[in-house]
Protein backbone atom coordinates (compact mmCIF):
# COMPACT_ATOMS: atom_id res chain seq x y z
CA MET A 1 96.63 86.91 89.45
CA LYS A 2 95.91 88.96 92.59
CA GLN A 3 96.19 87.14 95.92
CA ASP A 4 93.43 87.30 98.45
CA ILE A 5 94.05 88.96 101.78
CA SER A 6 93.18 87.41 105.15
CA ILE A 7 90.85 89.29 107.43
CA LEU A 8 89.91 88.89 111.09
CA LEU A 9 86.58 90.49 112.02
CA TYR A 10 85.70 90.89 115.68
CA GLU A 11 82.18 92.04 116.44
CA LYS A 12 80.07 90.82 119.37
CA GLU A 13 76.71 92.05 118.16
CA LYS A 14 75.28 89.21 116.13
CA ILE A 15 73.25 91.17 113.56
CA LEU A 16 76.11 93.58 112.71
CA ASN A 17 78.54 90.60 112.68
CA SER A 18 76.37 88.82 110.11
CA ILE A 19 75.89 91.94 107.97
CA LEU A 20 79.62 92.62 107.83
CA HIS A 21 80.46 89.02 107.30
CA TYR A 22 78.00 88.75 104.34
CA GLN A 23 78.93 92.11 102.76
CA ILE A 24 82.76 91.59 102.90
CA LEU A 25 82.56 88.02 101.50
CA ASN A 26 80.17 89.01 98.70
CA TYR A 27 82.23 92.02 97.83
CA ASN A 28 85.48 90.30 97.07
CA ASN A 29 85.42 86.74 98.55
CA TYR A 30 88.19 87.52 100.98
CA ASP A 31 89.67 84.92 103.32
CA LEU A 32 87.59 86.04 106.31
CA PHE A 33 87.61 84.69 109.91
CA VAL A 34 84.87 85.98 112.26
CA THR A 35 84.62 85.87 116.00
CA GLU A 36 82.25 87.19 118.62
CA SER A 37 84.34 86.11 121.57
CA TYR A 38 86.97 88.28 123.25
CA GLU A 39 88.72 85.18 124.65
CA GLU A 40 88.83 83.66 121.20
CA LEU A 41 90.13 86.87 119.75
CA ASN A 42 93.06 86.98 122.16
CA GLU A 43 93.92 83.37 121.45
CA ILE A 44 93.71 83.87 117.64
CA VAL A 45 96.00 86.92 117.52
CA ILE A 46 98.68 85.05 119.50
CA ASN A 47 98.62 82.02 117.19
CA ARG A 48 97.85 83.49 113.76
CA ASN A 49 98.67 86.58 111.65
CA PHE A 50 96.19 88.26 109.37
CA ASN A 51 96.68 90.88 106.65
CA VAL A 52 93.75 92.93 108.11
CA TYR A 53 92.07 93.28 111.52
CA ILE A 54 88.56 94.73 111.69
CA LEU A 55 87.65 95.60 115.35
CA ASN A 56 84.72 97.15 117.14
CA LEU A 57 86.41 99.31 119.77
CA ASN A 58 83.17 99.32 121.79
CA ASP A 59 83.64 95.61 122.34
CA LEU A 60 87.22 96.11 123.52
CA GLY A 61 86.27 98.89 125.89
CA ASN A 62 89.05 100.33 128.10
CA ASP A 63 91.49 97.73 126.72
CA SER A 64 91.29 99.31 123.18
CA LYS A 65 94.53 101.15 123.05
CA ASN A 66 96.69 98.48 124.77
CA PHE A 67 95.18 95.72 122.70
CA ILE A 68 95.86 97.58 119.45
CA LYS A 69 99.44 98.31 120.42
CA ILE A 70 100.01 94.59 121.30
CA LEU A 71 98.47 93.63 117.99
CA GLN A 72 100.71 95.94 116.07
CA THR A 73 103.79 94.60 117.90
CA ASN A 74 102.91 90.93 117.35
CA SER A 75 101.71 91.17 113.78
CA GLU A 76 103.60 91.09 110.47
CA HIS A 77 100.97 93.42 109.03
CA ASN A 78 99.69 96.55 110.77
CA ASN A 79 96.49 97.02 108.78
CA ILE A 80 93.91 97.64 111.55
CA ILE A 81 90.44 99.00 110.77
CA ALA A 82 88.58 100.04 113.92
CA TYR A 83 85.11 101.52 114.33
CA HIS A 84 83.79 103.18 117.41
CA GLU A 85 81.28 105.49 119.07
CA PRO A 86 82.48 109.14 119.13
CA TYR A 87 83.19 109.15 122.93
CA LEU A 88 85.75 106.31 122.48
CA LYS A 89 88.10 108.29 120.27
CA LYS A 90 90.12 109.70 123.18
CA MET A 91 91.05 106.10 124.19
CA ILE A 92 92.99 105.51 120.97
CA ASP A 93 94.57 108.96 120.32
CA ASN A 94 98.14 108.83 119.00
CA VAL A 95 97.84 105.20 117.90
CA GLU A 96 99.68 104.94 114.55
CA LYS A 97 98.70 102.92 111.47
CA LEU A 98 95.07 102.73 112.50
CA PHE A 99 92.25 103.36 110.07
CA LEU A 100 89.30 104.75 112.19
CA LEU A 101 85.62 104.78 111.31
CA GLU A 102 83.22 106.64 113.49
CA LYS A 103 79.77 105.03 113.92
CA PRO A 104 77.60 105.19 111.99
CA PHE A 105 79.82 104.71 108.98
CA LYS A 106 79.19 103.91 105.32
CA LEU A 107 79.93 100.30 104.34
CA ILE A 108 81.46 101.37 101.09
CA THR A 109 84.15 103.30 102.97
CA LEU A 110 85.27 100.11 104.71
CA LEU A 111 85.15 98.10 101.44
CA ASN A 112 87.13 100.74 99.55
CA HIS A 113 89.82 100.64 102.25
CA LEU A 114 90.04 96.88 101.99
CA ASP A 115 90.55 97.41 98.22
CA SER A 116 93.46 99.72 98.98
CA ILE A 117 95.07 97.24 101.38
CA LYS A 118 94.60 94.46 98.85
CA ASN A 119 96.31 96.46 96.12
CA SER A 120 99.15 97.19 98.52
CA GLU A 121 99.54 93.52 99.67
CA THR A 122 99.42 92.27 96.05
CA ILE A 123 102.12 94.48 94.70
CA ASN A 124 104.37 94.23 97.78
CA ASN A 125 105.54 90.77 96.79
CA SER A 126 107.98 91.92 94.20
CA ASN A 127 109.97 94.93 93.06
CA LYS A 128 108.76 96.86 90.00
CA TYR A 129 110.77 98.57 87.34
CA LEU A 130 109.23 101.97 86.74
CA MET A 131 111.92 102.60 84.09
CA ASP A 132 114.85 100.47 82.97
CA HIS A 133 117.05 101.95 85.69
CA ILE A 134 114.47 102.78 88.32
CA ILE A 135 113.26 100.17 90.85
CA TYR A 136 110.28 100.59 93.08
CA SER A 137 110.19 98.36 96.21
CA PRO A 138 106.74 98.67 97.86
CA SER A 139 107.69 96.27 100.65
CA LYS A 140 110.68 98.46 101.54
CA LYS A 141 108.90 101.67 100.62
CA THR A 142 111.82 102.83 98.49
CA ILE A 143 112.50 104.04 94.90
CA SER A 144 116.13 103.61 93.63
CA ASN A 145 117.93 104.85 90.56
CA LEU A 146 120.47 102.13 89.51
CA GLU A 147 122.55 104.59 87.49
CA THR A 148 123.09 107.18 90.17
CA ASN A 149 122.63 104.91 93.23
CA CYS A 150 120.20 107.46 94.63
CA THR A 151 117.42 106.08 96.83
CA GLU A 152 114.32 107.84 98.17
CA HIS A 153 112.31 106.49 101.18
CA LEU A 154 108.51 106.84 101.10
CA THR A 155 106.08 107.34 103.91
CA GLU A 156 103.29 104.79 104.30
CA LYS A 157 100.69 107.08 102.59
CA GLU A 158 103.15 108.03 99.80
CA ASN A 159 103.72 104.34 99.31
CA ASN A 160 100.02 103.52 99.17
CA LEU A 161 99.54 106.44 96.66
CA LEU A 162 102.26 105.17 94.46
CA ILE A 163 100.91 101.61 94.54
CA TYR A 164 97.49 102.78 93.56
CA LEU A 165 98.81 105.08 90.81
CA TYR A 166 101.10 102.28 89.57
CA ASN A 167 98.19 99.95 89.19
CA LYS A 168 96.28 102.65 87.30
CA LYS A 169 99.30 103.97 85.41
CA ASN A 170 98.50 106.17 82.37
CA GLU A 171 94.91 106.37 83.51
CA GLU A 172 93.46 109.68 84.66
CA ILE A 173 92.33 109.50 88.29
CA LEU A 174 90.03 111.93 90.05
CA LYS A 175 90.99 113.54 93.30
CA LYS A 176 87.85 112.18 95.02
CA ASP A 177 88.73 108.68 93.98
CA LEU A 178 92.21 108.92 95.54
CA LEU A 179 90.78 110.34 98.75
CA ILE A 180 88.32 107.49 99.01
CA LYS A 181 90.75 104.75 98.09
CA ILE A 182 93.77 105.93 100.25
CA TRP A 183 92.15 107.72 103.11
CA GLY A 184 88.51 106.55 103.00
CA PHE A 185 87.28 110.16 102.93
CA SER A 186 83.89 111.10 101.61
CA GLU A 187 84.05 112.96 98.29
CA LYS A 188 82.31 115.90 100.00
CA ILE A 189 85.22 116.50 102.34
CA ASN A 190 87.32 119.50 101.40
CA THR A 191 90.98 118.77 102.29
CA HIS A 192 94.50 119.63 101.18
CA THR A 193 95.80 116.29 102.49
CA LEU A 194 96.07 114.76 99.02
CA GLU A 195 97.81 117.85 97.50
CA THR A 196 100.40 117.81 100.27
CA HIS A 197 101.20 114.15 99.76
CA ILE A 198 101.23 114.50 95.96
CA TYR A 199 103.66 117.40 96.18
CA ARG A 200 106.04 115.52 98.42
CA LEU A 201 105.83 112.35 96.22
CA LYS A 202 106.46 114.46 93.14
CA GLN A 203 109.62 115.90 94.77
CA LYS A 204 111.04 112.45 95.64
CA LEU A 205 110.23 111.08 92.18
CA ASN A 206 111.94 114.15 90.55
CA ARG A 207 115.04 113.65 92.64
CA ILE A 208 115.23 110.09 91.42
CA ASP A 209 114.86 110.97 87.81
CA LYS A 210 113.59 114.28 86.20
CA ASN A 211 112.02 112.34 83.36
CA PHE A 212 109.88 110.23 85.70
CA SER A 213 107.11 112.05 87.64
CA LEU A 214 103.61 112.26 88.87
CA SER A 215 101.65 114.75 86.83
CA LEU A 216 98.73 117.02 87.57
CA LYS A 217 96.88 117.09 84.31
CA ASN A 218 94.58 119.98 84.98
CA LYS A 219 92.95 122.12 87.62
CA ASN A 220 89.99 119.75 87.88
CA GLY A 221 92.20 117.40 89.85
CA LEU A 222 93.03 114.64 87.50
CA TYR A 223 96.27 112.79 88.35
CA TYR A 224 98.24 110.21 86.39
CA LEU A 225 101.61 108.45 86.56
CA LYS A 226 103.82 108.87 83.54
């Protein structure tokens, strides 16, 4: 059984707050805590950890970058989703592990990213045997071969990719679905980001064991884990 993830939503505008609250709960019945108060927000992040933080950077203003860095330092989980007006982007440049949405954004993009995080949090609780002698540890972001004692370390995006492919193993997955689930990109965006990460992940899997790999089925962009 998949565990729920806990979410903190900070949005001062009452109508948008209510819309996001309603849509997130009805989408997957997450453990959701909502606040409109900056003072309450600061008190909450000191006393409680959440799996995901959804923040309106407009409400944080000039404190955006410092607040996010403090949040990342204090929290066990660094899943932060922030949305903002275009002019605020410069305030949070070079902040790592931050999923940014530029207003106006599609609600489905936010919900799909929550799905990706939930898949990650669910599988992170235990190691997985990809083969009898190959252990995948999502929490440590490593793949190890017990016969050769070889270990490969994954980047965060490589880890998220492998988690998603593992959950969908032996299923054919479209490129556009991976882009939406892992990066939150629109299917209309033309990017080589996925191909680059797939290539690097395939290299690491191949170094662990030549019989275990990520396959590109055909030129239409269907991927599967075998």
